[in-house]
Full PDB file with SEQRES, HELIX, SHEET, SSBOND, CRYST1, ORIGX, SCALE, CONECT and MASTER records, all heavy atoms in Angstrom:
SEQRES   1 A   33  LEU SER VAL GLU GLY ASP SER ASN LEU TYR ILE GLY ARG          
SEQRES   2 A   33  ILE ALA ARG LEU SER PRO THR ILE THR ALA GLN ASN ARG          
SEQRES   3 A   33  LEU LEU ILE VAL GLU ALA GLU                                  
SHEET    1 AA1 2 ILE A  14  ILE A  21  0                                        
SHEET    2 AA1 2 LEU A  28  ALA A  32 -1                                        
CRYST1    1.000    1.000    1.000  90.00  90.00  90.00 P 1           1          
ORIGX1      1.000000  0.000000  0.000000        0.00000                         
ORIGX2      0.000000  1.000000  0.000000        0.00000                         
ORIGX3      0.000000  0.000000  1.000000        0.00000                         
SCALE1      1.000000  0.000000  0.000000        0.00000                         
SCALE2      0.000000  1.000000  0.000000        0.00000                         
SCALE3      0.000000  0.000000  1.000000        0.00000                         
ATOM      1  N   LEU A   1     122.994 -33.988 326.033  1.00  0.00           N  
ATOM      2  CA  LEU A   1     122.553 -33.167 327.166  1.00  0.00           C  
ATOM      3  C   LEU A   1     121.483 -33.873 327.966  1.00  0.00           C  
ATOM      4  O   LEU A   1     120.793 -34.776 327.478  1.00  0.00           O  
ATOM      5  CB  LEU A   1     122.044 -31.806 326.685  1.00  0.00           C  
ATOM      6  CG  LEU A   1     120.774 -31.759 325.836  1.00  0.00           C  
ATOM      7  CD1 LEU A   1     119.567 -31.511 326.727  1.00  0.00           C  
ATOM      8  CD2 LEU A   1     120.865 -30.667 324.802  1.00  0.00           C  
ATOM      9  N   SER A   2     121.356 -33.440 329.195  1.00  0.00           N  
ATOM     10  CA  SER A   2     120.309 -33.928 330.099  1.00  0.00           C  
ATOM     11  C   SER A   2     119.761 -32.745 330.880  1.00  0.00           C  
ATOM     12  O   SER A   2     120.432 -31.721 331.033  1.00  0.00           O  
ATOM     13  CB  SER A   2     120.871 -34.992 331.059  1.00  0.00           C  
ATOM     14  OG  SER A   2     121.919 -34.434 331.843  1.00  0.00           O  
ATOM     15  N   VAL A   3     118.538 -32.904 331.361  1.00  0.00           N  
ATOM     16  CA  VAL A   3     117.887 -31.851 332.136  1.00  0.00           C  
ATOM     17  C   VAL A   3     117.435 -32.423 333.463  1.00  0.00           C  
ATOM     18  O   VAL A   3     117.310 -33.644 333.629  1.00  0.00           O  
ATOM     19  CB  VAL A   3     116.691 -31.248 331.362  1.00  0.00           C  
ATOM     20  CG1 VAL A   3     117.156 -30.563 330.097  1.00  0.00           C  
ATOM     21  CG2 VAL A   3     115.650 -32.316 331.039  1.00  0.00           C  
ATOM     22  N   GLU A   4     117.181 -31.541 334.405  1.00  0.00           N  
ATOM     23  CA  GLU A   4     116.766 -31.956 335.743  1.00  0.00           C  
ATOM     24  C   GLU A   4     115.433 -32.699 335.675  1.00  0.00           C  
ATOM     25  O   GLU A   4     114.504 -32.288 334.974  1.00  0.00           O  
ATOM     26  CB  GLU A   4     116.620 -30.732 336.651  1.00  0.00           C  
ATOM     27  CG  GLU A   4     117.922 -29.983 336.917  1.00  0.00           C  
ATOM     28  CD  GLU A   4     118.885 -30.784 337.771  1.00  0.00           C  
ATOM     29  OE1 GLU A   4     118.417 -31.686 338.493  1.00  0.00           O  
ATOM     30  OE2 GLU A   4     120.096 -30.517 337.702  1.00  0.00           O  
ATOM     31  N   GLY A   5     115.366 -33.803 336.422  1.00  0.00           N  
ATOM     32  CA  GLY A   5     114.120 -34.550 336.519  1.00  0.00           C  
ATOM     33  C   GLY A   5     113.814 -35.423 335.321  1.00  0.00           C  
ATOM     34  O   GLY A   5     112.717 -35.978 335.229  1.00  0.00           O  
ATOM     35  N   ASP A   6     114.753 -35.564 334.384  1.00  0.00           N  
ATOM     36  CA  ASP A   6     114.536 -36.377 333.191  1.00  0.00           C  
ATOM     37  C   ASP A   6     115.762 -37.255 333.000  1.00  0.00           C  
ATOM     38  O   ASP A   6     116.881 -36.761 332.858  1.00  0.00           O  
ATOM     39  CB  ASP A   6     114.322 -35.479 331.967  1.00  0.00           C  
ATOM     40  CG  ASP A   6     113.891 -36.263 330.733  1.00  0.00           C  
ATOM     41  OD1 ASP A   6     114.005 -37.507 330.746  1.00  0.00           O  
ATOM     42  OD2 ASP A   6     113.436 -35.633 329.756  1.00  0.00           O  
ATOM     43  N   SER A   7     115.559 -38.562 332.993  1.00  0.00           N  
ATOM     44  CA  SER A   7     116.672 -39.490 332.875  1.00  0.00           C  
ATOM     45  C   SER A   7     117.115 -39.709 331.437  1.00  0.00           C  
ATOM     46  O   SER A   7     118.123 -40.374 331.191  1.00  0.00           O  
ATOM     47  CB  SER A   7     116.285 -40.844 333.497  1.00  0.00           C  
ATOM     48  OG  SER A   7     115.148 -41.388 332.822  1.00  0.00           O  
ATOM     49  N   ASN A   8     116.369 -39.173 330.488  1.00  0.00           N  
ATOM     50  CA  ASN A   8     116.717 -39.360 329.073  1.00  0.00           C  
ATOM     51  C   ASN A   8     117.949 -38.550 328.701  1.00  0.00           C  
ATOM     52  O   ASN A   8     118.193 -37.475 329.257  1.00  0.00           O  
ATOM     53  CB  ASN A   8     115.547 -38.962 328.173  1.00  0.00           C  
ATOM     54  CG  ASN A   8     114.360 -39.886 328.344  1.00  0.00           C  
ATOM     55  OD1 ASN A   8     114.522 -41.086 328.549  1.00  0.00           O  
ATOM     56  ND2 ASN A   8     113.163 -39.334 328.266  1.00  0.00           N  
ATOM     57  N   LEU A   9     118.690 -39.065 327.720  1.00  0.00           N  
ATOM     58  CA  LEU A   9     119.828 -38.353 327.159  1.00  0.00           C  
ATOM     59  C   LEU A   9     119.441 -37.869 325.771  1.00  0.00           C  
ATOM     60  O   LEU A   9     118.989 -38.643 324.932  1.00  0.00           O  
ATOM     61  CB  LEU A   9     121.050 -39.281 327.071  1.00  0.00           C  
ATOM     62  CG  LEU A   9     122.357 -38.636 326.614  1.00  0.00           C  
ATOM     63  CD1 LEU A   9     122.850 -37.647 327.660  1.00  0.00           C  
ATOM     64  CD2 LEU A   9     123.411 -39.707 326.352  1.00  0.00           C  
ATOM     65  N   TYR A  10     119.598 -36.573 325.518  1.00  0.00           N  
ATOM     66  CA  TYR A  10     119.171 -35.976 324.258  1.00  0.00           C  
ATOM     67  C   TYR A  10     120.404 -35.617 323.428  1.00  0.00           C  
ATOM     68  O   TYR A  10     121.428 -35.188 323.962  1.00  0.00           O  
ATOM     69  CB  TYR A  10     118.331 -34.724 324.519  1.00  0.00           C  
ATOM     70  CG  TYR A  10     117.048 -35.030 325.256  1.00  0.00           C  
ATOM     71  CD1 TYR A  10     117.009 -35.000 326.648  1.00  0.00           C  
ATOM     72  CD2 TYR A  10     115.893 -35.357 324.566  1.00  0.00           C  
ATOM     73  CE1 TYR A  10     115.844 -35.288 327.333  1.00  0.00           C  
ATOM     74  CE2 TYR A  10     114.713 -35.649 325.244  1.00  0.00           C  
ATOM     75  CZ  TYR A  10     114.695 -35.614 326.622  1.00  0.00           C  
ATOM     76  OH  TYR A  10     113.542 -35.894 327.295  1.00  0.00           O  
ATOM     77  N   ILE A  11     120.270 -35.800 322.135  1.00  0.00           N  
ATOM     78  CA  ILE A  11     121.383 -35.584 321.212  1.00  0.00           C  
ATOM     79  C   ILE A  11     121.102 -34.356 320.350  1.00  0.00           C  
ATOM     80  O   ILE A  11     119.984 -34.167 319.859  1.00  0.00           O  
ATOM     81  CB  ILE A  11     121.606 -36.810 320.306  1.00  0.00           C  
ATOM     82  CG1 ILE A  11     121.795 -38.071 321.159  1.00  0.00           C  
ATOM     83  CG2 ILE A  11     122.808 -36.592 319.401  1.00  0.00           C  
ATOM     84  CD1 ILE A  11     122.975 -38.024 322.079  1.00  0.00           C  
ATOM     85  N   GLY A  12     122.114 -33.517 320.187  1.00  0.00           N  
ATOM     86  CA  GLY A  12     121.992 -32.342 319.331  1.00  0.00           C  
ATOM     87  C   GLY A  12     123.293 -32.105 318.576  1.00  0.00           C  
ATOM     88  O   GLY A  12     124.227 -32.905 318.649  1.00  0.00           O  
ATOM     89  N   ARG A  13     123.336 -30.986 317.841  1.00  0.00           N  
ATOM     90  CA  ARG A  13     124.519 -30.611 317.078  1.00  0.00           C  
ATOM     91  C   ARG A  13     124.800 -29.129 317.274  1.00  0.00           C  
ATOM     92  O   ARG A  13     123.865 -28.321 317.344  1.00  0.00           O  
ATOM     93  CB  ARG A  13     124.313 -30.880 315.590  1.00  0.00           C  
ATOM     94  CG  ARG A  13     124.159 -32.341 315.220  1.00  0.00           C  
ATOM     95  CD  ARG A  13     125.498 -33.025 315.127  1.00  0.00           C  
ATOM     96  NE  ARG A  13     125.342 -34.468 314.870  1.00  0.00           N  
ATOM     97  CZ  ARG A  13     126.358 -35.320 314.816  1.00  0.00           C  
ATOM     98  NH1 ARG A  13     127.593 -34.867 314.978  1.00  0.00           N  
ATOM     99  NH2 ARG A  13     126.165 -36.597 314.614  1.00  0.00           N  
ATOM    100  N   ILE A  14     126.082 -28.773 317.358  1.00  0.00           N  
ATOM    101  CA  ILE A  14     126.459 -27.368 317.407  1.00  0.00           C  
ATOM    102  C   ILE A  14     126.055 -26.722 316.078  1.00  0.00           C  
ATOM    103  O   ILE A  14     126.458 -27.166 315.011  1.00  0.00           O  
ATOM    104  CB  ILE A  14     127.963 -27.194 317.653  1.00  0.00           C  
ATOM    105  CG1 ILE A  14     128.346 -27.748 319.033  1.00  0.00           C  
ATOM    106  CG2 ILE A  14     128.354 -25.720 317.561  1.00  0.00           C  
ATOM    107  CD1 ILE A  14     127.781 -26.976 320.194  1.00  0.00           C  
ATOM    108  N   ALA A  15     125.236 -25.668 316.157  1.00  0.00           N  
ATOM    109  CA  ALA A  15     124.740 -25.007 314.942  1.00  0.00           C  
ATOM    110  C   ALA A  15     125.351 -23.625 314.753  1.00  0.00           C  
ATOM    111  O   ALA A  15     125.582 -23.203 313.620  1.00  0.00           O  
ATOM    112  CB  ALA A  15     123.219 -24.903 314.983  1.00  0.00           C  
ATOM    113  N   ARG A  16     125.606 -22.923 315.837  1.00  0.00           N  
ATOM    114  CA  ARG A  16     126.097 -21.548 315.732  1.00  0.00           C  
ATOM    115  C   ARG A  16     127.117 -21.271 316.828  1.00  0.00           C  
ATOM    116  O   ARG A  16     126.973 -21.770 317.950  1.00  0.00           O  
ATOM    117  CB  ARG A  16     124.926 -20.558 315.852  1.00  0.00           C  
ATOM    118  CG  ARG A  16     124.002 -20.547 314.645  1.00  0.00           C  
ATOM    119  CD  ARG A  16     122.682 -19.864 314.963  1.00  0.00           C  
ATOM    120  NE  ARG A  16     121.887 -20.648 315.894  1.00  0.00           N  
ATOM    121  CZ  ARG A  16     121.073 -21.625 315.516  1.00  0.00           C  
ATOM    122  NH1 ARG A  16     120.962 -21.944 314.241  1.00  0.00           N  
ATOM    123  NH2 ARG A  16     120.363 -22.299 316.393  1.00  0.00           N  
ATOM    124  N   LEU A  17     128.133 -20.470 316.488  1.00  0.00           N  
ATOM    125  CA  LEU A  17     129.145 -20.050 317.448  1.00  0.00           C  
ATOM    126  C   LEU A  17     129.279 -18.540 317.379  1.00  0.00           C  
ATOM    127  O   LEU A  17     129.238 -17.949 316.302  1.00  0.00           O  
ATOM    128  CB  LEU A  17     130.511 -20.691 317.162  1.00  0.00           C  
ATOM    129  CG  LEU A  17     130.662 -22.201 317.310  1.00  0.00           C  
ATOM    130  CD1 LEU A  17     130.276 -22.922 316.041  1.00  0.00           C  
ATOM    131  CD2 LEU A  17     132.100 -22.542 317.698  1.00  0.00           C  
ATOM    132  N   SER A  18     129.465 -17.924 318.537  1.00  0.00           N  
ATOM    133  CA  SER A  18     129.718 -16.488 318.561  1.00  0.00           C  
ATOM    134  C   SER A  18     131.088 -16.216 317.940  1.00  0.00           C  
ATOM    135  O   SER A  18     132.034 -16.996 318.139  1.00  0.00           O  
ATOM    136  CB  SER A  18     129.685 -15.972 319.996  1.00  0.00           C  
ATOM    137  OG  SER A  18     130.119 -14.622 320.053  1.00  0.00           O  
ATOM    138  N   PRO A  19     131.222 -15.130 317.194  1.00  0.00           N  
ATOM    139  CA  PRO A  19     132.532 -14.830 316.597  1.00  0.00           C  
ATOM    140  C   PRO A  19     133.545 -14.296 317.603  1.00  0.00           C  
ATOM    141  O   PRO A  19     134.728 -14.185 317.275  1.00  0.00           O  
ATOM    142  CB  PRO A  19     132.186 -13.768 315.553  1.00  0.00           C  
ATOM    143  CG  PRO A  19     130.956 -13.099 316.084  1.00  0.00           C  
ATOM    144  CD  PRO A  19     130.182 -14.178 316.784  1.00  0.00           C  
ATOM    145  N   THR A  20     133.087 -13.964 318.805  1.00  0.00           N  
ATOM    146  CA  THR A  20     133.990 -13.371 319.794  1.00  0.00           C  
ATOM    147  C   THR A  20     133.857 -14.092 321.128  1.00  0.00           C  
ATOM    148  O   THR A  20     132.879 -14.808 321.380  1.00  0.00           O  
ATOM    149  CB  THR A  20     133.676 -11.875 320.005  1.00  0.00           C  
ATOM    150  OG1 THR A  20     132.331 -11.744 320.500  1.00  0.00           O  
ATOM    151  CG2 THR A  20     133.815 -11.100 318.704  1.00  0.00           C  
ATOM    152  N   ILE A  21     134.842 -13.892 321.976  1.00  0.00           N  
ATOM    153  CA  ILE A  21     134.799 -14.349 323.363  1.00  0.00           C  
ATOM    154  C   ILE A  21     134.489 -13.146 324.238  1.00  0.00           C  
ATOM    155  O   ILE A  21     135.104 -12.088 324.100  1.00  0.00           O  
ATOM    156  CB  ILE A  21     136.142 -14.985 323.763  1.00  0.00           C  
ATOM    157  CG1 ILE A  21     136.334 -16.303 322.991  1.00  0.00           C  
ATOM    158  CG2 ILE A  21     136.206 -15.231 325.270  1.00  0.00           C  
ATOM    159  CD1 ILE A  21     137.645 -16.986 323.256  1.00  0.00           C  
ATOM    160  N   THR A  22     133.516 -13.292 325.121  1.00  0.00           N  
ATOM    161  CA  THR A  22     133.093 -12.162 325.943  1.00  0.00           C  
ATOM    162  C   THR A  22     134.240 -11.706 326.833  1.00  0.00           C  
ATOM    163  O   THR A  22     134.911 -12.516 327.481  1.00  0.00           O  
ATOM    164  CB  THR A  22     131.888 -12.547 326.814  1.00  0.00           C  
ATOM    165  OG1 THR A  22     132.216 -13.682 327.608  1.00  0.00           O  
ATOM    166  CG2 THR A  22     130.685 -12.887 325.934  1.00  0.00           C  
ATOM    167  N   ALA A  23     134.467 -10.399 326.854  1.00  0.00           N  
ATOM    168  CA  ALA A  23     135.591  -9.856 327.621  1.00  0.00           C  
ATOM    169  C   ALA A  23     135.335  -9.916 329.120  1.00  0.00           C  
ATOM    170  O   ALA A  23     136.277  -9.983 329.911  1.00  0.00           O  
ATOM    171  CB  ALA A  23     135.853  -8.406 327.187  1.00  0.00           C  
ATOM    172  N   GLN A  24     134.062  -9.885 329.545  1.00  0.00           N  
ATOM    173  CA  GLN A  24     133.765  -9.845 330.975  1.00  0.00           C  
ATOM    174  C   GLN A  24     134.115 -11.153 331.674  1.00  0.00           C  
ATOM    175  O   GLN A  24     134.712 -11.158 332.751  1.00  0.00           O  
ATOM    176  CB  GLN A  24     132.280  -9.527 331.210  1.00  0.00           C  
ATOM    177  CG  GLN A  24     131.848  -8.144 330.749  1.00  0.00           C  
ATOM    178  CD  GLN A  24     131.533  -8.112 329.267  1.00  0.00           C  
ATOM    179  OE1 GLN A  24     131.691  -9.109 328.563  1.00  0.00           O  
ATOM    180  NE2 GLN A  24     131.099  -6.960 328.791  1.00  0.00           N  
ATOM    181  N   ASN A  25     133.730 -12.296 331.066  1.00  0.00           N  
ATOM    182  CA  ASN A  25     133.945 -13.569 331.754  1.00  0.00           C  
ATOM    183  C   ASN A  25     134.724 -14.588 330.930  1.00  0.00           C  
ATOM    184  O   ASN A  25     134.828 -15.750 331.319  1.00  0.00           O  
ATOM    185  CB  ASN A  25     132.601 -14.179 332.173  1.00  0.00           C  
ATOM    186  CG  ASN A  25     131.583 -14.111 331.045  1.00  0.00           C  
ATOM    187  OD1 ASN A  25     131.954 -13.982 329.871  1.00  0.00           O  
ATOM    188  ND2 ASN A  25     130.311 -14.208 331.388  1.00  0.00           N  
ATOM    189  N   ARG A  26     135.244 -14.179 329.752  1.00  0.00           N  
ATOM    190  CA  ARG A  26     136.104 -15.042 328.939  1.00  0.00           C  
ATOM    191  C   ARG A  26     135.385 -16.342 328.560  1.00  0.00           C  
ATOM    192  O   ARG A  26     135.883 -17.442 328.771  1.00  0.00           O  
ATOM    193  CB  ARG A  26     137.402 -15.367 329.674  1.00  0.00           C  
ATOM    194  CG  ARG A  26     138.184 -14.156 330.114  1.00  0.00           C  
ATOM    195  CD  ARG A  26     138.609 -13.318 328.928  1.00  0.00           C  
ATOM    196  NE  ARG A  26     139.306 -12.096 329.337  1.00  0.00           N  
ATOM    197  CZ  ARG A  26     139.697 -11.141 328.522  1.00  0.00           C  
ATOM    198  NH1 ARG A  26     139.441 -11.245 327.224  1.00  0.00           N  
ATOM    199  NH2 ARG A  26     140.313 -10.077 328.976  1.00  0.00           N  
ATOM    200  N   LEU A  27     134.191 -16.183 327.992  1.00  0.00           N  
ATOM    201  CA  LEU A  27     133.402 -17.347 327.594  1.00  0.00           C  
ATOM    202  C   LEU A  27     133.014 -17.227 326.129  1.00  0.00           C  
ATOM    203  O   LEU A  27     132.813 -16.126 325.612  1.00  0.00           O  
ATOM    204  CB  LEU A  27     132.136 -17.469 328.450  1.00  0.00           C  
ATOM    205  CG  LEU A  27     132.336 -17.730 329.941  1.00  0.00           C  
ATOM    206  CD1 LEU A  27     131.012 -17.660 330.673  1.00  0.00           C  
ATOM    207  CD2 LEU A  27     132.990 -19.096 330.165  1.00  0.00           C  
ATOM    208  N   LEU A  28     132.908 -18.375 325.470  1.00  0.00           N  
ATOM    209  CA  LEU A  28     132.431 -18.449 324.090  1.00  0.00           C  
ATOM    210  C   LEU A  28     130.979 -18.904 324.108  1.00  0.00           C  
ATOM    211  O   LEU A  28     130.672 -19.958 324.678  1.00  0.00           O  
ATOM    212  CB  LEU A  28     133.288 -19.430 323.280  1.00  0.00           C  
ATOM    213  CG  LEU A  28     132.804 -19.718 321.853  1.00  0.00           C  
ATOM    214  CD1 LEU A  28     132.956 -18.485 320.971  1.00  0.00           C  
ATOM    215  CD2 LEU A  28     133.558 -20.913 321.266  1.00  0.00           C  
ATOM    216  N   ILE A  29     130.086 -18.128 323.485  1.00  0.00           N  
ATOM    217  CA  ILE A  29     128.668 -18.480 323.429  1.00  0.00           C  
ATOM    218  C   ILE A  29     128.444 -19.375 322.209  1.00  0.00           C  
ATOM    219  O   ILE A  29     128.815 -19.026 321.090  1.00  0.00           O  
ATOM    220  CB  ILE A  29     127.786 -17.224 323.322  1.00  0.00           C  
ATOM    221  CG1 ILE A  29     128.111 -16.244 324.461  1.00  0.00           C  
ATOM    222  CG2 ILE A  29     126.313 -17.608 323.351  1.00  0.00           C  
ATOM    223  CD1 ILE A  29     127.887 -16.808 325.834  1.00  0.00           C  
ATOM    224  N   VAL A  30     127.856 -20.543 322.449  1.00  0.00           N  
ATOM    225  CA  VAL A  30     127.539 -21.469 321.358  1.00  0.00           C  
ATOM    226  C   VAL A  30     126.063 -21.840 321.448  1.00  0.00           C  
ATOM    227  O   VAL A  30     125.451 -21.776 322.516  1.00  0.00           O  
ATOM    228  CB  VAL A  30     128.408 -22.741 321.414  1.00  0.00           C  
ATOM    229  CG1 VAL A  30     129.884 -22.389 321.310  1.00  0.00           C  
ATOM    230  CG2 VAL A  30     128.145 -23.530 322.688  1.00  0.00           C  
ATOM    231  N   GLU A  31     125.508 -22.223 320.308  1.00  0.00           N  
ATOM    232  CA  GLU A  31     124.124 -22.682 320.250  1.00  0.00           C  
ATOM    233  C   GLU A  31     124.070 -24.022 319.535  1.00  0.00           C  
ATOM    234  O   GLU A  31     124.694 -24.194 318.483  1.00  0.00           O  
ATOM    235  CB  GLU A  31     123.228 -21.682 319.516  1.00  0.00           C  
ATOM    236  CG  GLU A  31     122.884 -20.457 320.336  1.00  0.00           C  
ATOM    237  CD  GLU A  31     121.819 -19.600 319.674  1.00  0.00           C  
ATOM    238  OE1 GLU A  31     121.438 -19.918 318.522  1.00  0.00           O  
ATOM    239  OE2 GLU A  31     121.367 -18.627 320.299  1.00  0.00           O  
ATOM    240  N   ALA A  32     123.339 -24.950 320.126  1.00  0.00           N  
ATOM    241  CA  ALA A  32     123.128 -26.265 319.524  1.00  0.00           C  
ATOM    242  C   ALA A  32     121.645 -26.460 319.268  1.00  0.00           C  
ATOM    243  O   ALA A  32     120.803 -25.940 320.010  1.00  0.00           O  
ATOM    244  CB  ALA A  32     123.653 -27.369 320.436  1.00  0.00           C  
ATOM    245  N   GLU A  33     121.319 -27.189 318.221  1.00  0.00           N  
ATOM    246  CA  GLU A  33     119.937 -27.545 317.930  1.00  0.00           C  
ATOM    247  C   GLU A  33     119.685 -28.954 318.432  1.00  0.00           C  
ATOM    248  O   GLU A  33     120.443 -29.873 318.114  1.00  0.00           O  
ATOM    249  CB  GLU A  33     119.653 -27.438 316.433  1.00  0.00           C  
ATOM    250  CG  GLU A  33     119.648 -25.999 315.930  1.00  0.00           C  
ATOM    251  CD  GLU A  33     119.146 -25.890 314.505  1.00  0.00           C  
ATOM    252  OE1 GLU A  33     118.912 -26.945 313.874  1.00  0.00           O  
ATOM    253  OE2 GLU A  33     118.993 -24.752 314.024  1.00  0.00           O  
TER     254      GLU A  33                                                      
MASTER        0    0    0    0    2    0    0    6  253    1    0    3          
END                                                                             
């Protein structure tokens, strides 16, 4: 990942996934550390 105003590239890992896909916008919520 990268953020605005920072040229560095940061590395993380997927830690948690939502068990469902949101019905409103058809998206899966994930969290990375």
